[in-house]
Amino acid sequence: MHYVLSQIIFVLLLIIIATTGIFPASLLVITAGALFGLTSGLALSLVGIFIGSIGGLLAGRYILREAITSRVSSYVSMDALDMEIQSRGWRFVILLRLSPFVPFGIGSYALGISSVRFKDYCIGTIGTIPALFALVYTGSLTGSIANMFMETEERAWGVVQIAILVMGLVASFVIIFILSKVAYRVTKSVKKTNKQ
């Protein structure tokens, strides 16, 4: 019972964080892996992120539009952003989601004031599953390593298990780094386009 309740609380907390951007969602997603394991952590994170991102989009589009438009337009030309979104569609949403420089909630609000189609927004948000997987996997490895040190002598971890955990952790960070670099290059090209 407590396990199910903790999952519900986690999803609600992630929805709030993904909608508002008051805290980095990635840290909570890593925590999901440590607390709930890879499969449950990924499923819970996907539900929370997806619902929260839709909440951010709708808030940006219908509730906070004027306030966000005045704030965002001081940094980016909305016309250039709309042209970029129209030309790339869901691919732009994925790259924005993968960028470590754009907090999740702020990205949702910015896309809410753009002309992104709801379908492209949803596909792009779901397309971030590989990044979510890497973050949840990192958390699950961290949880496994913590459990390894807390276990009794009955089930001691071998060198092979430790090596696999370390390699998985390194691979997760490499994947996150590569995806972040790709997203950074694309967002940098958008900024250059905005200045022209």
C-alpha atoms as a PDB file:
ATOM      1  CA  MET A   1       0.000   0.000   0.000  1.00  0.00           C
ATOM      2  CA  HIS A   2       2.759   2.439   0.933  1.00  0.00           C
ATOM      3  CA  TYR A   3       4.615   1.604  -2.291  1.00  0.00           C
ATOM      4  CA  VAL A   4       1.592   2.503  -4.449  1.00  0.00           C
ATOM      5  CA  LEU A   5       0.998   5.672  -2.445  1.00  0.00           C
ATOM      6  CA  SER A   6       4.637   6.691  -2.901  1.00  0.00           C
ATOM      7  CA  GLN A   7       4.293   6.165  -6.662  1.00  0.00           C
ATOM      8  CA  ILE A   8       1.160   8.332  -6.789  1.00  0.00           C
ATOM      9  CA  ILE A   9       2.869  11.074  -4.767  1.00  0.00           C
ATOM     10  CA  PHE A  10       5.914  10.867  -7.027  1.00  0.00           C
ATOM     11  CA  VAL A  11       3.829  11.252 -10.209  1.00  0.00           C
ATOM     12  CA  LEU A  12       1.890  14.195  -8.760  1.00  0.00           C
ATOM     13  CA  LEU A  13       5.121  15.878  -7.678  1.00  0.00           C
ATOM     14  CA  LEU A  14       6.669  15.326 -11.121  1.00  0.00           C
ATOM     15  CA  ILE A  15       3.557  16.746 -12.811  1.00  0.00           C
ATOM     16  CA  ILE A  16       3.840  19.902 -10.693  1.00  0.00           C
ATOM     17  CA  ILE A  17       7.566  20.231 -11.335  1.00  0.00           C
ATOM     18  CA  ALA A  18       7.253  19.555 -15.085  1.00  0.00           C
ATOM     19  CA  THR A  19       4.403  22.066 -15.345  1.00  0.00           C
ATOM     20  CA  THR A  20       5.968  24.855 -13.310  1.00  0.00           C
ATOM     21  CA  GLY A  21       9.685  24.332 -13.779  1.00  0.00           C
ATOM     22  CA  ILE A  22      10.336  25.192 -10.110  1.00  0.00           C
ATOM     23  CA  PHE A  23      12.905  22.397  -9.813  1.00  0.00           C
ATOM     24  CA  PRO A  24      14.921  20.437 -12.391  1.00  0.00           C
ATOM     25  CA  ALA A  25      12.728  17.523 -13.467  1.00  0.00           C
ATOM     26  CA  SER A  26      15.822  15.512 -14.378  1.00  0.00           C
ATOM     27  CA  LEU A  27      16.814  15.211 -10.721  1.00  0.00           C
ATOM     28  CA  LEU A  28      13.424  13.786  -9.851  1.00  0.00           C
ATOM     29  CA  VAL A  29      13.592  11.379 -12.795  1.00  0.00           C
ATOM     30  CA  ILE A  30      16.980  10.103 -11.570  1.00  0.00           C
ATOM     31  CA  THR A  31      15.424   9.694  -8.127  1.00  0.00           C
ATOM     32  CA  ALA A  32      12.629   7.607  -9.692  1.00  0.00           C
ATOM     33  CA  GLY A  33      15.208   5.118 -10.900  1.00  0.00           C
ATOM     34  CA  ALA A  34      16.829   4.897  -7.477  1.00  0.00           C
ATOM     35  CA  LEU A  35      13.527   4.494  -5.624  1.00  0.00           C
ATOM     36  CA  PHE A  36      11.376   2.460  -8.013  1.00  0.00           C
ATOM     37  CA  GLY A  37      13.842   0.695 -10.307  1.00  0.00           C
ATOM     38  CA  LEU A  38      14.262   0.946 -14.056  1.00  0.00           C
ATOM     39  CA  THR A  39      10.877  -0.250 -15.340  1.00  0.00           C
ATOM     40  CA  SER A  40       8.582   1.391 -12.791  1.00  0.00           C
ATOM     41  CA  GLY A  41      10.756   4.490 -12.589  1.00  0.00           C
ATOM     42  CA  LEU A  42      10.621   4.951 -16.370  1.00  0.00           C
ATOM     43  CA  ALA A  43       6.850   4.407 -16.531  1.00  0.00           C
ATOM     44  CA  LEU A  44       6.160   6.787 -13.644  1.00  0.00           C
ATOM     45  CA  SER A  45       8.516   9.416 -15.054  1.00  0.00           C
ATOM     46  CA  LEU A  46       6.971   9.222 -18.504  1.00  0.00           C
ATOM     47  CA  VAL A  47       3.456   9.683 -17.101  1.00  0.00           C
ATOM     48  CA  GLY A  48       4.499  12.606 -14.881  1.00  0.00           C
ATOM     49  CA  ILE A  49       6.588  14.323 -17.552  1.00  0.00           C
ATOM     50  CA  PHE A  50       3.952  13.920 -20.258  1.00  0.00           C
ATOM     51  CA  ILE A  51       1.038  15.194 -18.164  1.00  0.00           C
ATOM     52  CA  GLY A  52       3.167  18.010 -16.736  1.00  0.00           C
ATOM     53  CA  SER A  53       4.367  19.069 -20.174  1.00  0.00           C
ATOM     54  CA  ILE A  54       0.800  19.264 -21.460  1.00  0.00           C
ATOM     55  CA  GLY A  55      -0.087  21.350 -18.401  1.00  0.00           C
ATOM     56  CA  GLY A  56       2.795  23.722 -19.196  1.00  0.00           C
ATOM     57  CA  LEU A  57       1.797  23.967 -22.851  1.00  0.00           C
ATOM     58  CA  LEU A  58      -1.817  24.745 -21.996  1.00  0.00           C
ATOM     59  CA  ALA A  59      -0.808  27.259 -19.304  1.00  0.00           C
ATOM     60  CA  GLY A  60       1.500  28.993 -21.763  1.00  0.00           C
ATOM     61  CA  ARG A  61      -1.054  28.977 -24.526  1.00  0.00           C
ATOM     62  CA  TYR A  62      -4.185  30.020 -22.640  1.00  0.00           C
ATOM     63  CA  ILE A  63      -3.446  31.325 -19.144  1.00  0.00           C
ATOM     64  CA  LEU A  64      -0.012  32.979 -19.065  1.00  0.00           C
ATOM     65  CA  ARG A  65       0.366  33.865 -22.734  1.00  0.00           C
ATOM     66  CA  GLU A  66       0.832  37.639 -22.407  1.00  0.00           C
ATOM     67  CA  ALA A  67       3.286  37.465 -19.510  1.00  0.00           C
ATOM     68  CA  ILE A  68       5.359  34.766 -21.186  1.00  0.00           C
ATOM     69  CA  THR A  69       5.330  36.456 -24.591  1.00  0.00           C
ATOM     70  CA  SER A  70       6.734  39.704 -23.184  1.00  0.00           C
ATOM     71  CA  ARG A  71       9.412  37.818 -21.272  1.00  0.00           C
ATOM     72  CA  VAL A  72      10.457  35.428 -24.070  1.00  0.00           C
ATOM     73  CA  SER A  73      10.388  38.062 -26.817  1.00  0.00           C
ATOM     74  CA  SER A  74      13.152  39.976 -25.042  1.00  0.00           C
ATOM     75  CA  TYR A  75      15.468  36.999 -25.681  1.00  0.00           C
ATOM     76  CA  VAL A  76      14.165  35.456 -28.911  1.00  0.00           C
ATOM     77  CA  SER A  77      12.299  36.678 -31.948  1.00  0.00           C
ATOM     78  CA  MET A  78       8.927  34.928 -31.794  1.00  0.00           C
ATOM     79  CA  ASP A  79       8.617  35.056 -35.590  1.00  0.00           C
ATOM     80  CA  ALA A  80      11.964  33.297 -36.018  1.00  0.00           C
ATOM     81  CA  LEU A  81      11.037  30.764 -33.346  1.00  0.00           C
ATOM     82  CA  ASP A  82       7.709  30.052 -35.035  1.00  0.00           C
ATOM     83  CA  MET A  83       9.423  29.609 -38.423  1.00  0.00           C
ATOM     84  CA  GLU A  84      11.891  27.177 -36.866  1.00  0.00           C
ATOM     85  CA  ILE A  85       9.128  25.225 -35.138  1.00  0.00           C
ATOM     86  CA  GLN A  86       7.030  25.086 -38.312  1.00  0.00           C
ATOM     87  CA  SER A  87       9.969  23.830 -40.370  1.00  0.00           C
ATOM     88  CA  ARG A  88      11.079  21.184 -37.846  1.00  0.00           C
ATOM     89  CA  GLY A  89       7.813  20.350 -36.026  1.00  0.00           C
ATOM     90  CA  TRP A  90       8.164  17.505 -33.531  1.00  0.00           C
ATOM     91  CA  ARG A  91      11.920  17.296 -34.166  1.00  0.00           C
ATOM     92  CA  PHE A  92      12.305  20.807 -32.753  1.00  0.00           C
ATOM     93  CA  VAL A  93      10.353  19.802 -29.649  1.00  0.00           C
ATOM     94  CA  ILE A  94      12.612  16.777 -29.089  1.00  0.00           C
ATOM     95  CA  LEU A  95      15.759  18.889 -29.449  1.00  0.00           C
ATOM     96  CA  LEU A  96      14.396  21.541 -27.120  1.00  0.00           C
ATOM     97  CA  ARG A  97      13.552  18.851 -24.571  1.00  0.00           C
ATOM     98  CA  LEU A  98      17.043  17.370 -24.817  1.00  0.00           C
ATOM     99  CA  SER A  99      18.782  20.713 -24.365  1.00  0.00           C
ATOM    100  CA  PRO A 100      20.284  21.018 -20.887  1.00  0.00           C
ATOM    101  CA  PHE A 101      20.052  24.806 -21.209  1.00  0.00           C
ATOM    102  CA  VAL A 102      16.253  24.995 -21.446  1.00  0.00           C
ATOM    103  CA  PRO A 103      14.457  23.959 -18.245  1.00  0.00           C
ATOM    104  CA  PHE A 104      11.533  21.652 -18.928  1.00  0.00           C
ATOM    105  CA  GLY A 105       8.794  23.954 -17.626  1.00  0.00           C
ATOM    106  CA  ILE A 106      10.145  27.012 -19.432  1.00  0.00           C
ATOM    107  CA  GLY A 107      10.354  24.999 -22.653  1.00  0.00           C
ATOM    108  CA  SER A 108       6.706  24.016 -22.265  1.00  0.00           C
ATOM    109  CA  TYR A 109       5.648  27.621 -21.697  1.00  0.00           C
ATOM    110  CA  ALA A 110       7.705  28.854 -24.664  1.00  0.00           C
ATOM    111  CA  LEU A 111       6.210  26.206 -26.923  1.00  0.00           C
ATOM    112  CA  GLY A 112       2.782  27.156 -25.579  1.00  0.00           C
ATOM    113  CA  ILE A 113       3.083  30.671 -26.989  1.00  0.00           C
ATOM    114  CA  SER A 114       4.412  29.380 -30.292  1.00  0.00           C
ATOM    115  CA  SER A 115       2.434  27.941 -33.164  1.00  0.00           C
ATOM    116  CA  VAL A 116       3.540  24.362 -32.478  1.00  0.00           C
ATOM    117  CA  ARG A 117       0.803  21.879 -33.293  1.00  0.00           C
ATOM    118  CA  PHE A 118      -0.462  19.834 -30.354  1.00  0.00           C
ATOM    119  CA  LYS A 119       0.322  16.601 -32.223  1.00  0.00           C
ATOM    120  CA  ASP A 120       3.936  17.673 -32.856  1.00  0.00           C
ATOM    121  CA  TYR A 121       4.257  18.745 -29.235  1.00  0.00           C
ATOM    122  CA  CYS A 122       3.079  15.364 -27.949  1.00  0.00           C
ATOM    123  CA  ILE A 123       5.230  13.364 -30.377  1.00  0.00           C
ATOM    124  CA  GLY A 124       8.265  15.492 -29.518  1.00  0.00           C
ATOM    125  CA  THR A 125       7.701  15.067 -25.801  1.00  0.00           C
ATOM    126  CA  ILE A 126       7.257  11.297 -26.112  1.00  0.00           C
ATOM    127  CA  GLY A 127      10.385  11.278 -28.283  1.00  0.00           C
ATOM    128  CA  THR A 128      12.440  12.112 -25.221  1.00  0.00           C
ATOM    129  CA  ILE A 129      12.024   8.577 -23.870  1.00  0.00           C
ATOM    130  CA  PRO A 130      15.694   7.717 -24.612  1.00  0.00           C
ATOM    131  CA  ALA A 131      16.846  10.630 -22.446  1.00  0.00           C
ATOM    132  CA  LEU A 132      14.356   9.674 -19.725  1.00  0.00           C
ATOM    133  CA  PHE A 133      15.620   6.105 -19.949  1.00  0.00           C
ATOM    134  CA  ALA A 134      19.228   7.255 -19.481  1.00  0.00           C
ATOM    135  CA  LEU A 135      18.294   9.359 -16.450  1.00  0.00           C
ATOM    136  CA  VAL A 136      16.160   6.644 -14.841  1.00  0.00           C
ATOM    137  CA  TYR A 137      18.850   4.069 -15.577  1.00  0.00           C
ATOM    138  CA  THR A 138      21.427   6.289 -13.887  1.00  0.00           C
ATOM    139  CA  GLY A 139      19.171   6.459 -10.849  1.00  0.00           C
ATOM    140  CA  SER A 140      18.558   2.717 -10.827  1.00  0.00           C
ATOM    141  CA  LEU A 141      22.308   2.088 -10.975  1.00  0.00           C
ATOM    142  CA  THR A 142      22.825   4.478  -8.106  1.00  0.00           C
ATOM    143  CA  GLY A 143      20.148   2.637  -6.144  1.00  0.00           C
ATOM    144  CA  SER A 144      21.753  -0.699  -6.962  1.00  0.00           C
ATOM    145  CA  ILE A 145      25.161   0.518  -5.834  1.00  0.00           C
ATOM    146  CA  ALA A 146      23.660   1.842  -2.607  1.00  0.00           C
ATOM    147  CA  ASN A 147      21.925  -1.509  -2.016  1.00  0.00           C
ATOM    148  CA  MET A 148      25.180  -3.309  -2.721  1.00  0.00           C
ATOM    149  CA  PHE A 149      26.828  -1.576   0.213  1.00  0.00           C
ATOM    150  CA  MET A 150      23.859  -2.140   2.507  1.00  0.00           C
ATOM    151  CA  GLU A 151      23.407  -5.845   1.799  1.00  0.00           C
ATOM    152  CA  THR A 152      24.530  -8.511   4.194  1.00  0.00           C
ATOM    153  CA  GLU A 153      27.231 -11.048   3.521  1.00  0.00           C
ATOM    154  CA  GLU A 154      24.579 -13.490   2.305  1.00  0.00           C
ATOM    155  CA  ARG A 155      24.577 -11.916  -1.126  1.00  0.00           C
ATOM    156  CA  ALA A 156      27.889 -10.265  -1.775  1.00  0.00           C
ATOM    157  CA  TRP A 157      28.320  -8.542  -5.113  1.00  0.00           C
ATOM    158  CA  GLY A 158      30.978  -9.857  -7.444  1.00  0.00           C
ATOM    159  CA  VAL A 159      33.479  -7.925  -9.497  1.00  0.00           C
ATOM    160  CA  VAL A 160      31.537  -8.638 -12.704  1.00  0.00           C
ATOM    161  CA  GLN A 161      28.314  -7.171 -11.288  1.00  0.00           C
ATOM    162  CA  ILE A 162      30.122  -4.063 -10.094  1.00  0.00           C
ATOM    163  CA  ALA A 163      31.851  -3.669 -13.483  1.00  0.00           C
ATOM    164  CA  ILE A 164      28.514  -3.945 -15.303  1.00  0.00           C
ATOM    165  CA  LEU A 165      26.987  -1.305 -13.032  1.00  0.00           C
ATOM    166  CA  VAL A 166      29.907   1.070 -13.555  1.00  0.00           C
ATOM    167  CA  MET A 167      29.883   0.563 -17.339  1.00  0.00           C
ATOM    168  CA  GLY A 168      26.129   1.186 -17.412  1.00  0.00           C
ATOM    169  CA  LEU A 169      26.552   4.371 -15.388  1.00  0.00           C
ATOM    170  CA  VAL A 170      29.306   5.631 -17.689  1.00  0.00           C
ATOM    171  CA  ALA A 171      27.235   4.758 -20.772  1.00  0.00           C
ATOM    172  CA  SER A 172      24.276   6.690 -19.347  1.00  0.00           C
ATOM    173  CA  PHE A 173      26.379   9.803 -18.857  1.00  0.00           C
ATOM    174  CA  VAL A 174      27.873   9.469 -22.346  1.00  0.00           C
ATOM    175  CA  ILE A 175      24.376   9.221 -23.890  1.00  0.00           C
ATOM    176  CA  ILE A 176      23.166  12.256 -21.935  1.00  0.00           C
ATOM    177  CA  PHE A 177      26.292  14.189 -22.976  1.00  0.00           C
ATOM    178  CA  ILE A 178      25.902  13.335 -26.679  1.00  0.00           C
ATOM    179  CA  LEU A 179      22.193  14.188 -26.725  1.00  0.00           C
ATOM    180  CA  SER A 180      22.911  17.464 -24.937  1.00  0.00           C
ATOM    181  CA  LYS A 181      25.606  18.417 -27.470  1.00  0.00           C
ATOM    182  CA  VAL A 182      23.274  17.758 -30.402  1.00  0.00           C
ATOM    183  CA  ALA A 183      20.501  19.791 -28.807  1.00  0.00           C
ATOM    184  CA  TYR A 184      22.937  22.616 -27.984  1.00  0.00           C
ATOM    185  CA  ARG A 185      24.122  22.822 -31.614  1.00  0.00           C
ATOM    186  CA  VAL A 186      20.574  23.084 -32.899  1.00  0.00           C
ATOM    187  CA  THR A 187      19.492  25.690 -30.336  1.00  0.00           C
ATOM    188  CA  LYS A 188      22.664  27.665 -31.093  1.00  0.00           C
ATOM    189  CA  SER A 189      21.764  27.701 -34.798  1.00  0.00           C
ATOM    190  CA  VAL A 190      18.266  28.938 -33.889  1.00  0.00           C
ATOM    191  CA  LYS A 191      19.786  31.790 -31.879  1.00  0.00           C
ATOM    192  CA  LYS A 192      22.002  32.743 -34.831  1.00  0.00           C
ATOM    193  CA  THR A 193      18.938  32.741 -37.093  1.00  0.00           C
ATOM    194  CA  ASN A 194      17.120  34.998 -34.619  1.00  0.00           C
ATOM    195  CA  LYS A 195      19.956  37.551 -34.665  1.00  0.00           C
ATOM    196  CA  GLN A 196      19.924  37.823 -38.456  1.00  0.00           C
END
